[in-house]
Amino acid sequence: RASRAADNESMVLNAGNILSDNLANLIRKFPSFENLPPF
């Protein structure tokens, strides 16, 4: 996706945002284990 950007600044910005956002979204999808029912 970064390769579609017009310049190097946008390429770095796009690549970094995609990586950080995707990782953060994966983390949020997992439940809070402290709040899980004991079973």
Full PDB file with SEQRES, HELIX, SHEET, SSBOND, CRYST1, ORIGX, SCALE, CONECT and MASTER records, all heavy atoms in Angstrom:
SEQRES   1 A   39  ARG ALA SER ARG ALA ALA ASP ASN GLU SER MET VAL LEU          
SEQRES   2 A   39  ASN ALA GLY ASN ILE LEU SER ASP ASN LEU ALA ASN LEU          
SEQRES   3 A   39  ILE ARG LYS PHE PRO SER PHE GLU ASN LEU PRO PRO PHE          
HELIX    1 AA1 ALA A    2  ARG A    4  5                                   3    
HELIX    2 AA2 ASN A    8  LYS A   29  1                                  22    
HELIX    3 AA3 PHE A   33  ASN A   35  5                                   3    
CRYST1    1.000    1.000    1.000  90.00  90.00  90.00 P 1           1          
ORIGX1      1.000000  0.000000  0.000000        0.00000                         
ORIGX2      0.000000  1.000000  0.000000        0.00000                         
ORIGX3      0.000000  0.000000  1.000000        0.00000                         
SCALE1      1.000000  0.000000  0.000000        0.00000                         
SCALE2      0.000000  1.000000  0.000000        0.00000                         
SCALE3      0.000000  0.000000  1.000000        0.00000                         
ATOM      1  N   ARG A   1       0.823  -1.209   0.000  1.00  0.00           N  
ATOM      2  CA  ARG A   1       0.000   0.000   0.000  1.00  0.00           C  
ATOM      3  C   ARG A   1       0.853   1.253   0.000  1.00  0.00           C  
ATOM      4  O   ARG A   1       0.491   2.272  -0.600  1.00  0.00           O  
ATOM      5  CB  ARG A   1      -0.933  -0.009   1.202  1.00  0.00           C  
ATOM      6  CG  ARG A   1      -1.985  -1.109   1.144  1.00  0.00           C  
ATOM      7  CD  ARG A   1      -3.005  -0.961   2.240  1.00  0.00           C  
ATOM      8  NE  ARG A   1      -3.985  -2.028   2.202  1.00  0.00           N  
ATOM      9  CZ  ARG A   1      -4.988  -2.149   3.061  1.00  0.00           C  
ATOM     10  NH1 ARG A   1      -5.127  -1.238   4.043  1.00  0.00           N  
ATOM     11  NH2 ARG A   1      -5.832  -3.150   2.963  1.00  0.00           N  
ATOM     12  N   ALA A   2       2.008   1.188   0.683  1.00  0.00           N  
ATOM     13  CA  ALA A   2       2.891   2.351   0.721  1.00  0.00           C  
ATOM     14  C   ALA A   2       3.454   2.663  -0.657  1.00  0.00           C  
ATOM     15  O   ALA A   2       3.709   3.836  -0.990  1.00  0.00           O  
ATOM     16  CB  ALA A   2       4.030   2.104   1.712  1.00  0.00           C  
ATOM     17  N   SER A   3       3.622   1.638  -1.482  1.00  0.00           N  
ATOM     18  CA  SER A   3       4.213   1.849  -2.808  1.00  0.00           C  
ATOM     19  C   SER A   3       3.324   2.698  -3.714  1.00  0.00           C  
ATOM     20  O   SER A   3       3.792   3.222  -4.735  1.00  0.00           O  
ATOM     21  CB  SER A   3       4.489   0.495  -3.471  1.00  0.00           C  
ATOM     22  OG  SER A   3       3.270  -0.185  -3.746  1.00  0.00           O  
ATOM     23  N   ARG A   4       2.049   2.865  -3.345  1.00  0.00           N  
ATOM     24  CA  ARG A   4       1.147   3.673  -4.152  1.00  0.00           C  
ATOM     25  C   ARG A   4       1.271   5.162  -3.851  1.00  0.00           C  
ATOM     26  O   ARG A   4       0.679   5.988  -4.554  1.00  0.00           O  
ATOM     27  CB  ARG A   4      -0.298   3.236  -3.896  1.00  0.00           C  
ATOM     28  CG  ARG A   4      -0.557   1.751  -4.167  1.00  0.00           C  
ATOM     29  CD  ARG A   4      -1.918   1.334  -3.635  1.00  0.00           C  
ATOM     30  NE  ARG A   4      -2.133  -0.104  -3.706  1.00  0.00           N  
ATOM     31  CZ  ARG A   4      -3.130  -0.747  -3.105  1.00  0.00           C  
ATOM     32  NH1 ARG A   4      -4.020  -0.050  -2.390  1.00  0.00           N  
ATOM     33  NH2 ARG A   4      -3.261  -2.058  -3.201  1.00  0.00           N  
ATOM     34  N   ALA A   5       2.021   5.479  -2.786  1.00  0.00           N  
ATOM     35  CA  ALA A   5       2.154   6.887  -2.391  1.00  0.00           C  
ATOM     36  C   ALA A   5       3.035   7.635  -3.382  1.00  0.00           C  
ATOM     37  O   ALA A   5       3.846   7.050  -4.113  1.00  0.00           O  
ATOM     38  CB  ALA A   5       2.728   7.002  -0.987  1.00  0.00           C  
ATOM     39  N   ALA A   6       2.896   8.955  -3.371  1.00  0.00           N  
ATOM     40  CA  ALA A   6       3.571   9.785  -4.376  1.00  0.00           C  
ATOM     41  C   ALA A   6       5.010  10.108  -4.022  1.00  0.00           C  
ATOM     42  O   ALA A   6       5.812  10.436  -4.907  1.00  0.00           O  
ATOM     43  CB  ALA A   6       2.786  11.084  -4.575  1.00  0.00           C  
ATOM     44  N   ASP A   7       5.362  10.054  -2.732  1.00  0.00           N  
ATOM     45  CA  ASP A   7       6.711  10.428  -2.333  1.00  0.00           C  
ATOM     46  C   ASP A   7       7.161   9.579  -1.148  1.00  0.00           C  
ATOM     47  O   ASP A   7       6.374   8.845  -0.548  1.00  0.00           O  
ATOM     48  CB  ASP A   7       6.775  11.920  -1.963  1.00  0.00           C  
ATOM     49  CG  ASP A   7       5.719  12.319  -0.949  1.00  0.00           C  
ATOM     50  OD1 ASP A   7       5.720  11.749   0.163  1.00  0.00           O  
ATOM     51  OD2 ASP A   7       4.880  13.193  -1.261  1.00  0.00           O  
ATOM     52  N   ASN A   8       8.448   9.701  -0.809  1.00  0.00           N  
ATOM     53  CA  ASN A   8       9.029   8.878   0.248  1.00  0.00           C  
ATOM     54  C   ASN A   8       8.405   9.165   1.619  1.00  0.00           C  
ATOM     55  O   ASN A   8       8.216   8.240   2.423  1.00  0.00           O  
ATOM     56  CB  ASN A   8      10.539   9.091   0.311  1.00  0.00           C  
ATOM     57  CG  ASN A   8      11.257   8.424  -0.857  1.00  0.00           C  
ATOM     58  OD1 ASN A   8      10.907   7.311  -1.258  1.00  0.00           O  
ATOM     59  ND2 ASN A   8      12.255   9.103  -1.417  1.00  0.00           N  
ATOM     60  N   GLU A   9       8.108  10.434   1.873  1.00  0.00           N  
ATOM     61  CA  GLU A   9       7.494  10.771   3.166  1.00  0.00           C  
ATOM     62  C   GLU A   9       6.149  10.061   3.325  1.00  0.00           C  
ATOM     63  O   GLU A   9       5.868   9.465   4.369  1.00  0.00           O  
ATOM     64  CB  GLU A   9       7.299  12.285   3.280  1.00  0.00           C  
ATOM     65  CG  GLU A   9       6.606  12.681   4.585  1.00  0.00           C  
ATOM     66  CD  GLU A   9       6.322  14.173   4.670  1.00  0.00           C  
ATOM     67  OE1 GLU A   9       7.061  14.959   4.037  1.00  0.00           O  
ATOM     68  OE2 GLU A   9       5.361  14.555   5.378  1.00  0.00           O  
ATOM     69  N   SER A  10       5.336  10.111   2.299  1.00  0.00           N  
ATOM     70  CA  SER A  10       4.023   9.455   2.358  1.00  0.00           C  
ATOM     71  C   SER A  10       4.158   7.938   2.438  1.00  0.00           C  
ATOM     72  O   SER A  10       3.355   7.259   3.111  1.00  0.00           O  
ATOM     73  CB  SER A  10       3.191   9.838   1.136  1.00  0.00           C  
ATOM     74  OG  SER A  10       2.937  11.226   1.104  1.00  0.00           O  
ATOM     75  N   MET A  11       5.181   7.404   1.772  1.00  0.00           N  
ATOM     76  CA  MET A  11       5.393   5.951   1.812  1.00  0.00           C  
ATOM     77  C   MET A  11       5.718   5.490   3.231  1.00  0.00           C  
ATOM     78  O   MET A  11       5.172   4.499   3.718  1.00  0.00           O  
ATOM     79  CB  MET A  11       6.518   5.564   0.847  1.00  0.00           C  
ATOM     80  CG  MET A  11       6.138   5.712  -0.632  1.00  0.00           C  
ATOM     81  SD  MET A  11       7.523   5.382  -1.752  1.00  0.00           S  
ATOM     82  CE  MET A  11       7.667   3.610  -1.568  1.00  0.00           C  
ATOM     83  N   VAL A  12       6.606   6.219   3.893  1.00  0.00           N  
ATOM     84  CA  VAL A  12       6.954   5.871   5.276  1.00  0.00           C  
ATOM     85  C   VAL A  12       5.745   6.044   6.190  1.00  0.00           C  
ATOM     86  O   VAL A  12       5.453   5.197   7.042  1.00  0.00           O  
ATOM     87  CB  VAL A  12       8.131   6.730   5.775  1.00  0.00           C  
ATOM     88  CG1 VAL A  12       8.349   6.535   7.280  1.00  0.00           C  
ATOM     89  CG2 VAL A  12       9.405   6.393   5.002  1.00  0.00           C  
ATOM     90  N   LEU A  13       5.022   7.126   5.999  1.00  0.00           N  
ATOM     91  CA  LEU A  13       3.857   7.408   6.840  1.00  0.00           C  
ATOM     92  C   LEU A  13       2.787   6.332   6.661  1.00  0.00           C  
ATOM     93  O   LEU A  13       2.232   5.820   7.645  1.00  0.00           O  
ATOM     94  CB  LEU A  13       3.296   8.785   6.489  1.00  0.00           C  
ATOM     95  CG  LEU A  13       2.189   9.333   7.398  1.00  0.00           C  
ATOM     96  CD1 LEU A  13       2.688   9.503   8.818  1.00  0.00           C  
ATOM     97  CD2 LEU A  13       1.660  10.659   6.856  1.00  0.00           C  
ATOM     98  N   ASN A  14       2.520   5.969   5.413  1.00  0.00           N  
ATOM     99  CA  ASN A  14       1.499   4.955   5.157  1.00  0.00           C  
ATOM    100  C   ASN A  14       1.889   3.587   5.712  1.00  0.00           C  
ATOM    101  O   ASN A  14       1.085   2.905   6.357  1.00  0.00           O  
ATOM    102  CB  ASN A  14       1.238   4.844   3.653  1.00  0.00           C  
ATOM    103  CG  ASN A  14       0.498   6.055   3.105  1.00  0.00           C  
ATOM    104  OD1 ASN A  14       0.047   6.905   3.852  1.00  0.00           O  
ATOM    105  ND2 ASN A  14       0.392   6.134   1.784  1.00  0.00           N  
ATOM    106  N   ALA A  15       3.129   3.182   5.442  1.00  0.00           N  
ATOM    107  CA  ALA A  15       3.587   1.866   5.914  1.00  0.00           C  
ATOM    108  C   ALA A  15       3.563   1.785   7.433  1.00  0.00           C  
ATOM    109  O   ALA A  15       3.087   0.801   8.011  1.00  0.00           O  
ATOM    110  CB  ALA A  15       4.988   1.575   5.385  1.00  0.00           C  
ATOM    111  N   GLY A  16       4.076   2.824   8.094  1.00  0.00           N  
ATOM    112  CA  GLY A  16       4.116   2.818   9.556  1.00  0.00           C  
ATOM    113  C   GLY A  16       2.736   2.806  10.173  1.00  0.00           C  
ATOM    114  O   GLY A  16       2.486   2.080  11.144  1.00  0.00           O  
ATOM    115  N   ASN A  17       1.823   3.603   9.606  1.00  0.00           N  
ATOM    116  CA  ASN A  17       0.464   3.650  10.149  1.00  0.00           C  
ATOM    117  C   ASN A  17      -0.267   2.319   9.970  1.00  0.00           C  
ATOM    118  O   ASN A  17      -1.009   1.872  10.856  1.00  0.00           O  
ATOM    119  CB  ASN A  17      -0.334   4.770   9.488  1.00  0.00           C  
ATOM    120  CG  ASN A  17       0.087   6.147   9.970  1.00  0.00           C  
ATOM    121  OD1 ASN A  17       0.751   6.264  11.013  1.00  0.00           O  
ATOM    122  ND2 ASN A  17      -0.259   7.177   9.222  1.00  0.00           N  
ATOM    123  N   ILE A  18      -0.066   1.688   8.810  1.00  0.00           N  
ATOM    124  CA  ILE A  18      -0.714   0.398   8.569  1.00  0.00           C  
ATOM    125  C   ILE A  18      -0.225  -0.637   9.568  1.00  0.00           C  
ATOM    126  O   ILE A  18      -1.012  -1.399  10.154  1.00  0.00           O  
ATOM    127  CB  ILE A  18      -0.472  -0.065   7.128  1.00  0.00           C  
ATOM    128  CG1 ILE A  18      -1.258   0.818   6.142  1.00  0.00           C  
ATOM    129  CG2 ILE A  18      -0.870  -1.533   6.954  1.00  0.00           C  
ATOM    130  CD1 ILE A  18      -0.900   0.592   4.695  1.00  0.00           C  
ATOM    131  N   LEU A  19       1.081  -0.672   9.801  1.00  0.00           N  
ATOM    132  CA  LEU A  19       1.629  -1.646  10.750  1.00  0.00           C  
ATOM    133  C   LEU A  19       1.125  -1.392  12.169  1.00  0.00           C  
ATOM    134  O   LEU A  19       0.621  -2.296  12.839  1.00  0.00           O  
ATOM    135  CB  LEU A  19       3.158  -1.593  10.720  1.00  0.00           C  
ATOM    136  CG  LEU A  19       3.844  -2.146   9.468  1.00  0.00           C  
ATOM    137  CD1 LEU A  19       5.335  -1.853   9.500  1.00  0.00           C  
ATOM    138  CD2 LEU A  19       3.601  -3.650   9.349  1.00  0.00           C  
ATOM    139  N   SER A  20       1.256  -0.166  12.639  1.00  0.00           N  
ATOM    140  CA  SER A  20       0.877   0.137  14.025  1.00  0.00           C  
ATOM    141  C   SER A  20      -0.624  -0.014  14.239  1.00  0.00           C  
ATOM    142  O   SER A  20      -1.067  -0.546  15.270  1.00  0.00           O  
ATOM    143  CB  SER A  20       1.333   1.550  14.412  1.00  0.00           C  
ATOM    144  OG  SER A  20       0.749   2.517  13.563  1.00  0.00           O  
ATOM    145  N   ASP A  21      -1.429   0.425  13.268  1.00  0.00           N  
ATOM    146  CA  ASP A  21      -2.887   0.325  13.410  1.00  0.00           C  
ATOM    147  C   ASP A  21      -3.352  -1.129  13.392  1.00  0.00           C  
ATOM    148  O   ASP A  21      -4.227  -1.517  14.179  1.00  0.00           O  
ATOM    149  CB  ASP A  21      -3.589   1.109  12.303  1.00  0.00           C  
ATOM    150  CG  ASP A  21      -3.453   2.621  12.472  1.00  0.00           C  
ATOM    151  OD1 ASP A  21      -3.026   3.057  13.552  1.00  0.00           O  
ATOM    152  OD2 ASP A  21      -3.761   3.350  11.517  1.00  0.00           O  
ATOM    153  N   ASN A  22      -2.787  -1.931  12.490  1.00  0.00           N  
ATOM    154  CA  ASN A  22      -3.180  -3.341  12.426  1.00  0.00           C  
ATOM    155  C   ASN A  22      -2.804  -4.092  13.700  1.00  0.00           C  
ATOM    156  O   ASN A  22      -3.587  -4.910  14.202  1.00  0.00           O  
ATOM    157  CB  ASN A  22      -2.550  -4.015  11.213  1.00  0.00           C  
ATOM    158  CG  ASN A  22      -3.363  -3.848   9.943  1.00  0.00           C  
ATOM    159  OD1 ASN A  22      -4.179  -4.682   9.586  1.00  0.00           O  
ATOM    160  ND2 ASN A  22      -3.142  -2.736   9.255  1.00  0.00           N  
ATOM    161  N   LEU A  23      -1.632  -3.817  14.236  1.00  0.00           N  
ATOM    162  CA  LEU A  23      -1.221  -4.467  15.483  1.00  0.00           C  
ATOM    163  C   LEU A  23      -2.131  -4.051  16.635  1.00  0.00           C  
ATOM    164  O   LEU A  23      -2.553  -4.886  17.445  1.00  0.00           O  
ATOM    165  CB  LEU A  23       0.237  -4.118  15.796  1.00  0.00           C  
ATOM    166  CG  LEU A  23       1.289  -4.742  14.872  1.00  0.00           C  
ATOM    167  CD1 LEU A  23       2.671  -4.165  15.177  1.00  0.00           C  
ATOM    168  CD2 LEU A  23       1.317  -6.264  15.023  1.00  0.00           C  
ATOM    169  N   ALA A  24      -2.445  -2.759  16.714  1.00  0.00           N  
ATOM    170  CA  ALA A  24      -3.319  -2.277  17.780  1.00  0.00           C  
ATOM    171  C   ALA A  24      -4.714  -2.887  17.667  1.00  0.00           C  
ATOM    172  O   ALA A  24      -5.335  -3.243  18.682  1.00  0.00           O  
ATOM    173  CB  ALA A  24      -3.396  -0.753  17.741  1.00  0.00           C  
ATOM    174  N   ASN A  25      -5.205  -3.044  16.454  1.00  0.00           N  
ATOM    175  CA  ASN A  25      -6.536  -3.632  16.260  1.00  0.00           C  
ATOM    176  C   ASN A  25      -6.558  -5.106  16.665  1.00  0.00           C  
ATOM    177  O   ASN A  25      -7.543  -5.574  17.244  1.00  0.00           O  
ATOM    178  CB  ASN A  25      -6.967  -3.490  14.800  1.00  0.00           C  
ATOM    179  CG  ASN A  25      -7.358  -2.070  14.452  1.00  0.00           C  
ATOM    180  OD1 ASN A  25      -7.779  -1.303  15.323  1.00  0.00           O  
ATOM    181  ND2 ASN A  25      -7.229  -1.701  13.190  1.00  0.00           N  
ATOM    182  N   LEU A  26      -5.489  -5.825  16.368  1.00  0.00           N  
ATOM    183  CA  LEU A  26      -5.415  -7.229  16.766  1.00  0.00           C  
ATOM    184  C   LEU A  26      -5.453  -7.359  18.282  1.00  0.00           C  
ATOM    185  O   LEU A  26      -6.131  -8.246  18.828  1.00  0.00           O  
ATOM    186  CB  LEU A  26      -4.136  -7.869  16.209  1.00  0.00           C  
ATOM    187  CG  LEU A  26      -4.072  -8.081  14.692  1.00  0.00           C  
ATOM    188  CD1 LEU A  26      -2.690  -8.574  14.288  1.00  0.00           C  
ATOM    189  CD2 LEU A  26      -5.146  -9.075  14.247  1.00  0.00           C  
ATOM    190  N   ILE A  27      -4.755  -6.494  18.970  1.00  0.00           N  
ATOM    191  CA  ILE A  27      -4.726  -6.521  20.436  1.00  0.00           C  
ATOM    192  C   ILE A  27      -6.114  -6.271  21.001  1.00  0.00           C  
ATOM    193  O   ILE A  27      -6.564  -6.950  21.935  1.00  0.00           O  
ATOM    194  CB  ILE A  27      -3.720  -5.469  20.969  1.00  0.00           C  
ATOM    195  CG1 ILE A  27      -2.302  -5.833  20.534  1.00  0.00           C  
ATOM    196  CG2 ILE A  27      -3.801  -5.372  22.501  1.00  0.00           C  
ATOM    197  CD1 ILE A  27      -1.299  -4.712  20.733  1.00  0.00           C  
ATOM    198  N   ARG A  28      -6.813  -5.300  20.433  1.00  0.00           N  
ATOM    199  CA  ARG A  28      -8.146  -4.954  20.942  1.00  0.00           C  
ATOM    200  C   ARG A  28      -9.161  -6.066  20.734  1.00  0.00           C  
ATOM    201  O   ARG A  28     -10.150  -6.151  21.472  1.00  0.00           O  
ATOM    202  CB  ARG A  28      -8.645  -3.669  20.265  1.00  0.00           C  
ATOM    203  CG  ARG A  28      -8.017  -2.399  20.820  1.00  0.00           C  
ATOM    204  CD  ARG A  28      -8.792  -1.175  20.354  1.00  0.00           C  
ATOM    205  NE  ARG A  28      -8.628  -0.966  18.920  1.00  0.00           N  
ATOM    206  CZ  ARG A  28      -7.677  -0.198  18.391  1.00  0.00           C  
ATOM    207  NH1 ARG A  28      -6.794   0.416  19.182  1.00  0.00           N  
ATOM    208  NH2 ARG A  28      -7.598  -0.046  17.085  1.00  0.00           N  
ATOM    209  N   LYS A  29      -8.937  -6.925  19.756  1.00  0.00           N  
ATOM    210  CA  LYS A  29      -9.897  -8.003  19.487  1.00  0.00           C  
ATOM    211  C   LYS A  29      -9.872  -9.088  20.565  1.00  0.00           C  
ATOM    212  O   LYS A  29     -10.838  -9.825  20.727  1.00  0.00           O  
ATOM    213  CB  LYS A  29      -9.601  -8.634  18.124  1.00  0.00           C  
ATOM    214  CG  LYS A  29      -9.824  -7.708  16.930  1.00  0.00           C  
ATOM    215  CD  LYS A  29     -11.306  -7.396  16.734  1.00  0.00           C  
ATOM    216  CE  LYS A  29     -11.510  -6.573  15.471  1.00  0.00           C  
ATOM    217  NZ  LYS A  29     -12.946  -6.272  15.251  1.00  0.00           N  
ATOM    218  N   PHE A  30      -8.765  -9.205  21.291  1.00  0.00           N  
ATOM    219  CA  PHE A  30      -8.692 -10.201  22.357  1.00  0.00           C  
ATOM    220  C   PHE A  30      -9.406  -9.670  23.591  1.00  0.00           C  
ATOM    221  O   PHE A  30      -9.317  -8.490  23.917  1.00  0.00           O  
ATOM    222  CB  PHE A  30      -7.232 -10.533  22.689  1.00  0.00           C  
ATOM    223  CG  PHE A  30      -6.621 -11.553  21.784  1.00  0.00           C  
ATOM    224  CD1 PHE A  30      -6.116 -11.179  20.545  1.00  0.00           C  
ATOM    225  CD2 PHE A  30      -6.557 -12.888  22.142  1.00  0.00           C  
ATOM    226  CE1 PHE A  30      -5.555 -12.108  19.686  1.00  0.00           C  
ATOM    227  CE2 PHE A  30      -6.004 -13.835  21.295  1.00  0.00           C  
ATOM    228  CZ  PHE A  30      -5.501 -13.444  20.061  1.00  0.00           C  
ATOM    229  N   PRO A  31     -10.137 -10.547  24.299  1.00  0.00           N  
ATOM    230  CA  PRO A  31     -10.883 -10.080  25.472  1.00  0.00           C  
ATOM    231  C   PRO A  31      -9.965  -9.759  26.632  1.00  0.00           C  
ATOM    232  O   PRO A  31      -8.802 -10.193  26.676  1.00  0.00           O  
ATOM    233  CB  PRO A  31     -11.772 -11.288  25.804  1.00  0.00           C  
ATOM    234  CG  PRO A  31     -10.996 -12.465  25.320  1.00  0.00           C  
ATOM    235  CD  PRO A  31     -10.301 -11.992  24.069  1.00  0.00           C  
ATOM    236  N   SER A  32     -10.480  -8.980  27.571  1.00  0.00           N  
ATOM    237  CA  SER A  32      -9.761  -8.718  28.817  1.00  0.00           C  
ATOM    238  C   SER A  32      -9.888  -9.954  29.697  1.00  0.00           C  
ATOM    239  O   SER A  32     -10.985 -10.313  30.124  1.00  0.00           O  
ATOM    240  CB  SER A  32     -10.348  -7.499  29.530  1.00  0.00           C  
ATOM    241  OG  SER A  32      -9.839  -7.393  30.833  1.00  0.00           O  
ATOM    242  N   PHE A  33      -8.768 -10.613  29.982  1.00  0.00           N  
ATOM    243  CA  PHE A  33      -8.834 -11.861  30.728  1.00  0.00           C  
ATOM    244  C   PHE A  33      -9.223 -11.640  32.184  1.00  0.00           C  
ATOM    245  O   PHE A  33      -9.758 -12.536  32.829  1.00  0.00           O  
ATOM    246  CB  PHE A  33      -7.508 -12.603  30.616  1.00  0.00           C  
ATOM    247  CG  PHE A  33      -7.216 -13.071  29.215  1.00  0.00           C  
ATOM    248  CD1 PHE A  33      -6.294 -12.408  28.422  1.00  0.00           C  
ATOM    249  CD2 PHE A  33      -7.894 -14.146  28.684  1.00  0.00           C  
ATOM    250  CE1 PHE A  33      -6.044 -12.820  27.129  1.00  0.00           C  
ATOM    251  CE2 PHE A  33      -7.652 -14.579  27.388  1.00  0.00           C  
ATOM    252  CZ  PHE A  33      -6.734 -13.910  26.607  1.00  0.00           C  
ATOM    253  N   GLU A  34      -8.971 -10.432  32.700  1.00  0.00           N  
ATOM    254  CA  GLU A  34      -9.393 -10.127  34.062  1.00  0.00           C  
ATOM    255  C   GLU A  34     -10.916 -10.105  34.183  1.00  0.00           C  
ATOM    256  O   GLU A  34     -11.468 -10.392  35.243  1.00  0.00           O  
ATOM    257  CB  GLU A  34      -8.836  -8.772  34.516  1.00  0.00           C  
ATOM    258  CG  GLU A  34      -7.334  -8.728  34.756  1.00  0.00           C  
ATOM    259  CD  GLU A  34      -6.543  -8.627  33.462  1.00  0.00           C  
ATOM    260  OE1 GLU A  34      -7.192  -8.497  32.387  1.00  0.00           O  
ATOM    261  OE2 GLU A  34      -5.307  -8.677  33.520  1.00  0.00           O  
ATOM    262  N   ASN A  35     -11.594  -9.769  33.088  1.00  0.00           N  
ATOM    263  CA  ASN A  35     -13.048  -9.646  33.115  1.00  0.00           C  
ATOM    264  C   ASN A  35     -13.775 -10.893  32.629  1.00  0.00           C  
ATOM    265  O   ASN A  35     -15.005 -10.921  32.595  1.00  0.00           O  
ATOM    266  CB  ASN A  35     -13.485  -8.439  32.271  1.00  0.00           C  
ATOM    267  CG  ASN A  35     -12.948  -7.130  32.827  1.00  0.00           C  
ATOM    268  OD1 ASN A  35     -12.786  -6.980  34.033  1.00  0.00           O  
ATOM    269  ND2 ASN A  35     -12.663  -6.176  31.947  1.00  0.00           N  
ATOM    270  N   LEU A  36     -13.025 -11.927  32.251  1.00  0.00           N  
ATOM    271  CA  LEU A  36     -13.655 -13.165  31.813  1.00  0.00           C  
ATOM    272  C   LEU A  36     -14.308 -13.858  33.010  1.00  0.00           C  
ATOM    273  O   LEU A  36     -13.786 -13.813  34.127  1.00  0.00           O  
ATOM    274  CB  LEU A  36     -12.625 -14.111  31.204  1.00  0.00           C  
ATOM    275  CG  LEU A  36     -12.174 -13.882  29.763  1.00  0.00           C  
ATOM    276  CD1 LEU A  36     -11.165 -14.948  29.374  1.00  0.00           C  
ATOM    277  CD2 LEU A  36     -13.351 -13.905  28.802  1.00  0.00           C  
ATOM    278  N   PRO A  37     -15.443 -14.536  32.794  1.00  0.00           N  
ATOM    279  CA  PRO A  37     -15.991 -15.378  33.857  1.00  0.00           C  
ATOM    280  C   PRO A  37     -14.944 -16.401  34.289  1.00  0.00           C  
ATOM    281  O   PRO A  37     -14.153 -16.880  33.453  1.00  0.00           O  
ATOM    282  CB  PRO A  37     -17.188 -16.062  33.183  1.00  0.00           C  
ATOM    283  CG  PRO A  37     -17.565 -15.149  32.057  1.00  0.00           C  
ATOM    284  CD  PRO A  37     -16.276 -14.540  31.578  1.00  0.00           C  
ATOM    285  N   PRO A  38     -14.882 -16.756  35.575  1.00  0.00           N  
ATOM    286  CA  PRO A  38     -13.854 -17.686  36.057  1.00  0.00           C  
ATOM    287  C   PRO A  38     -13.774 -18.986  35.269  1.00  0.00           C  
ATOM    288  O   PRO A  38     -12.682 -19.495  35.018  1.00  0.00           O  
ATOM    289  CB  PRO A  38     -14.275 -17.942  37.511  1.00  0.00           C  
ATOM    290  CG  PRO A  38     -15.010 -16.696  37.907  1.00  0.00           C  
ATOM    291  CD  PRO A  38     -15.731 -16.250  36.657  1.00  0.00           C  
ATOM    292  N   PHE A  39     -14.937 -19.521  34.839  1.00  0.00           N  
ATOM    293  CA  PHE A  39     -14.924 -20.767  34.073  1.00  0.00           C  
ATOM    294  C   PHE A  39     -14.125 -20.608  32.792  1.00  0.00           C  
ATOM    295  O   PHE A  39     -13.236 -21.413  32.486  1.00  0.00           O  
ATOM    296  CB  PHE A  39     -16.361 -21.196  33.751  1.00  0.00           C  
ATOM    297  CG  PHE A  39     -16.447 -22.298  32.731  1.00  0.00           C  
ATOM    298  CD1 PHE A  39     -16.127 -23.606  33.074  1.00  0.00           C  
ATOM    299  CD2 PHE A  39     -16.836 -22.032  31.424  1.00  0.00           C  
ATOM    300  CE1 PHE A  39     -16.209 -24.627  32.134  1.00  0.00           C  
ATOM    301  CE2 PHE A  39     -16.913 -23.043  30.485  1.00  0.00           C  
ATOM    302  CZ  PHE A  39     -16.601 -24.344  30.846  1.00  0.00           C  
TER     303      PHE A  39                                                      
MASTER        0    0    0    3    0    0    0    6  302    1    0    3          
END                                                                             
